[in-house]
């Protein structure tokens, strides 16, 4: 039974704020990590987008499609291997989290201006027998609109 180590690396972050902006917000991310997976079974992992605002504000968070540019997202690995994966806004894996385009909708949130807001990302890697073992990564852009 081949095993692969897979993780999702979130690199790019972008902020968009219409003028005038009444709050200053920042965004950071905890990467979705799948750990060592068995490619013959479904694997799951979690990460998070963390939003901090200095005043009460509503916002939307989008996650880009990654290098594959579409659905499913794909992590790149050794020997040209590709590992399909999906990101969701809910633990039941029924609400795809994307950039508001074909890959899935954005996720809404609200800051009270004091505490950070942590939005959990739920990742799923479906079974993919035959994928070479090794480390797989993807780079995504998180966009915060407030």
C-alpha atoms as a PDB file:
ATOM      1  CA  UNK A   1       0.000   0.000   0.000  1.00  0.00           C
ATOM      2  CA  UNK A   2       1.868   3.150  -1.204  1.00  0.00           C
ATOM      3  CA  UNK A   3       2.028   6.046   1.229  1.00  0.00           C
ATOM      4  CA  UNK A   4       2.508   9.710   0.371  1.00  0.00           C
ATOM      5  CA  UNK A   5       3.146  12.716   2.538  1.00  0.00           C
ATOM      6  CA  UNK A   6       0.968  15.617   1.441  1.00  0.00           C
ATOM      7  CA  UNK A   7       0.671  19.142   2.660  1.00  0.00           C
ATOM      8  CA  UNK A   8      -0.840  22.297   1.292  1.00  0.00           C
ATOM      9  CA  UNK A   9       1.384  25.352   1.374  1.00  0.00           C
ATOM     10  CA  UNK A  10      -0.446  28.670   1.454  1.00  0.00           C
ATOM     11  CA  UNK A  11       1.900  31.397   0.245  1.00  0.00           C
ATOM     12  CA  UNK A  12       0.221  34.355  -1.393  1.00  0.00           C
ATOM     13  CA  UNK A  13      -1.979  36.735   0.533  1.00  0.00           C
ATOM     14  CA  UNK A  14      -3.857  39.690  -0.917  1.00  0.00           C
ATOM     15  CA  UNK A  15      -5.976  42.395   0.688  1.00  0.00           C
ATOM     16  CA  UNK A  16      -8.687  44.411  -1.001  1.00  0.00           C
ATOM     17  CA  UNK A  17     -10.543  47.240   0.695  1.00  0.00           C
ATOM     18  CA  UNK A  18     -13.008  49.643  -0.914  1.00  0.00           C
ATOM     19  CA  UNK A  19     -12.465  53.307  -0.044  1.00  0.00           C
ATOM     20  CA  UNK A  20     -13.117  54.637   2.492  1.00  0.00           C
ATOM     21  CA  UNK A  21     -11.990  51.799   4.746  1.00  0.00           C
ATOM     22  CA  UNK A  22     -13.223  52.112   8.312  1.00  0.00           C
ATOM     23  CA  UNK A  23     -11.206  49.182   9.568  1.00  0.00           C
ATOM     24  CA  UNK A  24      -7.682  47.976   8.930  1.00  0.00           C
ATOM     25  CA  UNK A  25      -7.580  44.199   8.566  1.00  0.00           C
ATOM     26  CA  UNK A  26      -4.835  41.648   8.017  1.00  0.00           C
ATOM     27  CA  UNK A  27      -4.916  38.003   7.058  1.00  0.00           C
ATOM     28  CA  UNK A  28      -2.627  35.059   7.750  1.00  0.00           C
ATOM     29  CA  UNK A  29      -2.977  31.333   7.189  1.00  0.00           C
ATOM     30  CA  UNK A  30      -2.222  28.013   8.834  1.00  0.00           C
ATOM     31  CA  UNK A  31      -1.551  25.619   5.929  1.00  0.00           C
ATOM     32  CA  UNK A  32      -3.831  22.648   5.391  1.00  0.00           C
ATOM     33  CA  UNK A  33      -1.708  19.621   6.294  1.00  0.00           C
ATOM     34  CA  UNK A  34      -2.725  16.103   5.349  1.00  0.00           C
ATOM     35  CA  UNK A  35       0.320  14.438   6.892  1.00  0.00           C
ATOM     36  CA  UNK A  36       1.271  10.994   5.638  1.00  0.00           C
ATOM     37  CA  UNK A  37      -1.590   9.579   3.632  1.00  0.00           C
ATOM     38  CA  UNK A  38      -2.501   6.252   2.142  1.00  0.00           C
ATOM     39  CA  UNK A  39      -3.344   7.054  -1.508  1.00  0.00           C
ATOM     40  CA  UNK A  40      -5.785   4.138  -1.625  1.00  0.00           C
ATOM     41  CA  UNK A  41      -8.053   5.817   0.954  1.00  0.00           C
ATOM     42  CA  UNK A  42      -9.663   9.210   1.497  1.00  0.00           C
ATOM     43  CA  UNK A  43      -7.552  11.511   3.661  1.00  0.00           C
ATOM     44  CA  UNK A  44      -8.566  14.713   5.409  1.00  0.00           C
ATOM     45  CA  UNK A  45      -6.751  17.657   6.958  1.00  0.00           C
ATOM     46  CA  UNK A  46      -7.463  21.099   8.313  1.00  0.00           C
ATOM     47  CA  UNK A  47      -5.906  24.538   8.222  1.00  0.00           C
ATOM     48  CA  UNK A  48      -7.217  28.029   8.859  1.00  0.00           C
ATOM     49  CA  UNK A  49      -7.421  31.571   7.620  1.00  0.00           C
ATOM     50  CA  UNK A  50      -6.931  34.036  10.476  1.00  0.00           C
ATOM     51  CA  UNK A  51      -8.324  37.562  10.132  1.00  0.00           C
ATOM     52  CA  UNK A  52      -7.490  40.477  12.433  1.00  0.00           C
ATOM     53  CA  UNK A  53      -9.248  43.843  12.209  1.00  0.00           C
ATOM     54  CA  UNK A  54      -8.759  46.948  14.352  1.00  0.00           C
ATOM     55  CA  UNK A  55     -12.478  47.785  14.230  1.00  0.00           C
ATOM     56  CA  UNK A  56     -15.727  45.903  13.670  1.00  0.00           C
ATOM     57  CA  UNK A  57     -15.941  44.803  10.047  1.00  0.00           C
ATOM     58  CA  UNK A  58     -17.614  42.261   7.778  1.00  0.00           C
ATOM     59  CA  UNK A  59     -15.423  40.517   5.226  1.00  0.00           C
ATOM     60  CA  UNK A  60     -15.200  37.833   2.545  1.00  0.00           C
ATOM     61  CA  UNK A  61     -12.315  35.382   2.193  1.00  0.00           C
ATOM     62  CA  UNK A  62     -11.525  33.720  -1.122  1.00  0.00           C
ATOM     63  CA  UNK A  63      -9.005  30.959  -1.840  1.00  0.00           C
ATOM     64  CA  UNK A  64      -7.532  30.692  -5.337  1.00  0.00           C
ATOM     65  CA  UNK A  65      -7.634  27.491  -7.394  1.00  0.00           C
ATOM     66  CA  UNK A  66      -3.864  26.999  -6.998  1.00  0.00           C
ATOM     67  CA  UNK A  67      -1.441  25.914  -9.699  1.00  0.00           C
ATOM     68  CA  UNK A  68      -3.956  23.635 -11.425  1.00  0.00           C
ATOM     69  CA  UNK A  69      -6.245  26.593 -12.066  1.00  0.00           C
ATOM     70  CA  UNK A  70      -9.440  24.649 -11.546  1.00  0.00           C
ATOM     71  CA  UNK A  71     -11.346  21.862  -9.885  1.00  0.00           C
ATOM     72  CA  UNK A  72     -10.010  19.631  -8.600  1.00  0.00           C
ATOM     73  CA  UNK A  73      -7.073  21.470  -7.157  1.00  0.00           C
ATOM     74  CA  UNK A  74      -3.831  19.535  -7.568  1.00  0.00           C
ATOM     75  CA  UNK A  75      -0.678  19.296  -5.497  1.00  0.00           C
ATOM     76  CA  UNK A  76       2.572  18.718  -7.381  1.00  0.00           C
ATOM     77  CA  UNK A  77       4.883  15.940  -6.290  1.00  0.00           C
ATOM     78  CA  UNK A  78       7.828  13.795  -7.320  1.00  0.00           C
ATOM     79  CA  UNK A  79       8.240  12.344 -10.821  1.00  0.00           C
ATOM     80  CA  UNK A  80       5.588  14.723 -12.180  1.00  0.00           C
ATOM     81  CA  UNK A  81       2.973  13.222  -9.857  1.00  0.00           C
ATOM     82  CA  UNK A  82      -0.236  15.136  -9.197  1.00  0.00           C
ATOM     83  CA  UNK A  83      -2.482  14.618  -6.186  1.00  0.00           C
ATOM     84  CA  UNK A  84      -6.069  15.900  -6.455  1.00  0.00           C
ATOM     85  CA  UNK A  85      -7.586  17.628  -3.431  1.00  0.00           C
ATOM     86  CA  UNK A  86     -10.592  19.727  -2.448  1.00  0.00           C
ATOM     87  CA  UNK A  87     -11.122  22.516   0.102  1.00  0.00           C
ATOM     88  CA  UNK A  88     -14.353  23.083   2.000  1.00  0.00           C
ATOM     89  CA  UNK A  89     -15.791  25.671   4.382  1.00  0.00           C
ATOM     90  CA  UNK A  90     -17.587  23.031   6.472  1.00  0.00           C
ATOM     91  CA  UNK A  91     -16.683  19.828   8.311  1.00  0.00           C
ATOM     92  CA  UNK A  92     -19.289  17.893   6.304  1.00  0.00           C
ATOM     93  CA  UNK A  93     -17.388  18.675   3.072  1.00  0.00           C
ATOM     94  CA  UNK A  94     -20.501  19.983   1.332  1.00  0.00           C
ATOM     95  CA  UNK A  95     -19.586  23.684   0.833  1.00  0.00           C
ATOM     96  CA  UNK A  96     -16.609  24.118  -1.537  1.00  0.00           C
ATOM     97  CA  UNK A  97     -14.361  27.067  -0.617  1.00  0.00           C
ATOM     98  CA  UNK A  98     -12.968  28.926  -3.576  1.00  0.00           C
ATOM     99  CA  UNK A  99     -12.529  32.362  -5.004  1.00  0.00           C
ATOM    100  CA  UNK A 100     -16.150  33.050  -5.904  1.00  0.00           C
ATOM    101  CA  UNK A 101     -15.750  31.673  -9.426  1.00  0.00           C
ATOM    102  CA  UNK A 102     -16.361  28.146 -10.759  1.00  0.00           C
ATOM    103  CA  UNK A 103     -14.264  26.413  -8.074  1.00  0.00           C
ATOM    104  CA  UNK A 104     -16.514  27.505  -5.190  1.00  0.00           C
ATOM    105  CA  UNK A 105     -17.779  30.466  -3.258  1.00  0.00           C
ATOM    106  CA  UNK A 106     -15.989  32.754  -0.838  1.00  0.00           C
ATOM    107  CA  UNK A 107     -16.574  32.552   2.893  1.00  0.00           C
ATOM    108  CA  UNK A 108     -18.108  35.383   4.910  1.00  0.00           C
ATOM    109  CA  UNK A 109     -16.939  36.454   8.317  1.00  0.00           C
ATOM    110  CA  UNK A 110     -17.178  39.247  10.826  1.00  0.00           C
ATOM    111  CA  UNK A 111     -14.647  40.793  13.188  1.00  0.00           C
ATOM    112  CA  UNK A 112     -15.593  42.589  16.393  1.00  0.00           C
ATOM    113  CA  UNK A 113     -12.357  44.584  16.184  1.00  0.00           C
ATOM    114  CA  UNK A 114     -10.878  42.964  19.305  1.00  0.00           C
ATOM    115  CA  UNK A 115     -10.496  39.217  18.811  1.00  0.00           C
ATOM    116  CA  UNK A 116      -9.082  37.394  15.799  1.00  0.00           C
ATOM    117  CA  UNK A 117     -11.488  35.478  13.592  1.00  0.00           C
ATOM    118  CA  UNK A 118     -10.353  31.965  12.693  1.00  0.00           C
ATOM    119  CA  UNK A 119     -12.012  30.337   9.680  1.00  0.00           C
ATOM    120  CA  UNK A 120     -11.245  26.616   9.455  1.00  0.00           C
ATOM    121  CA  UNK A 121     -10.375  25.127   6.052  1.00  0.00           C
ATOM    122  CA  UNK A 122     -11.350  21.467   5.628  1.00  0.00           C
ATOM    123  CA  UNK A 123      -9.293  19.568   3.050  1.00  0.00           C
ATOM    124  CA  UNK A 124      -9.986  16.232   1.395  1.00  0.00           C
ATOM    125  CA  UNK A 125      -7.690  14.059  -0.723  1.00  0.00           C
ATOM    126  CA  UNK A 126      -9.721  11.334  -2.489  1.00  0.00           C
ATOM    127  CA  UNK A 127      -8.215   7.884  -3.160  1.00  0.00           C
ATOM    128  CA  UNK A 128      -5.733   7.983  -6.056  1.00  0.00           C
ATOM    129  CA  UNK A 129      -3.928   4.646  -6.449  1.00  0.00           C
ATOM    130  CA  UNK A 130      -0.807   4.809  -8.598  1.00  0.00           C
ATOM    131  CA  UNK A 131       0.312   8.270  -7.484  1.00  0.00           C
ATOM    132  CA  UNK A 132       4.061   8.222  -6.703  1.00  0.00           C
ATOM    133  CA  UNK A 133       4.977   8.381  -3.003  1.00  0.00           C
ATOM    134  CA  UNK A 134       6.590  11.602  -1.808  1.00  0.00           C
ATOM    135  CA  UNK A 135       5.831  15.118  -0.681  1.00  0.00           C
ATOM    136  CA  UNK A 136       3.119  17.061  -2.511  1.00  0.00           C
ATOM    137  CA  UNK A 137       2.505  20.814  -2.293  1.00  0.00           C
ATOM    138  CA  UNK A 138       0.446  23.571  -3.864  1.00  0.00           C
ATOM    139  CA  UNK A 139       0.539  27.353  -3.529  1.00  0.00           C
ATOM    140  CA  UNK A 140      -2.687  29.277  -3.061  1.00  0.00           C
ATOM    141  CA  UNK A 141      -3.612  32.925  -2.766  1.00  0.00           C
ATOM    142  CA  UNK A 142      -5.967  34.030   0.008  1.00  0.00           C
ATOM    143  CA  UNK A 143      -7.939  37.206  -0.745  1.00  0.00           C
ATOM    144  CA  UNK A 144      -9.564  39.241   2.022  1.00  0.00           C
ATOM    145  CA  UNK A 145     -12.207  41.737   0.933  1.00  0.00           C
ATOM    146  CA  UNK A 146     -13.670  44.026   3.596  1.00  0.00           C
END
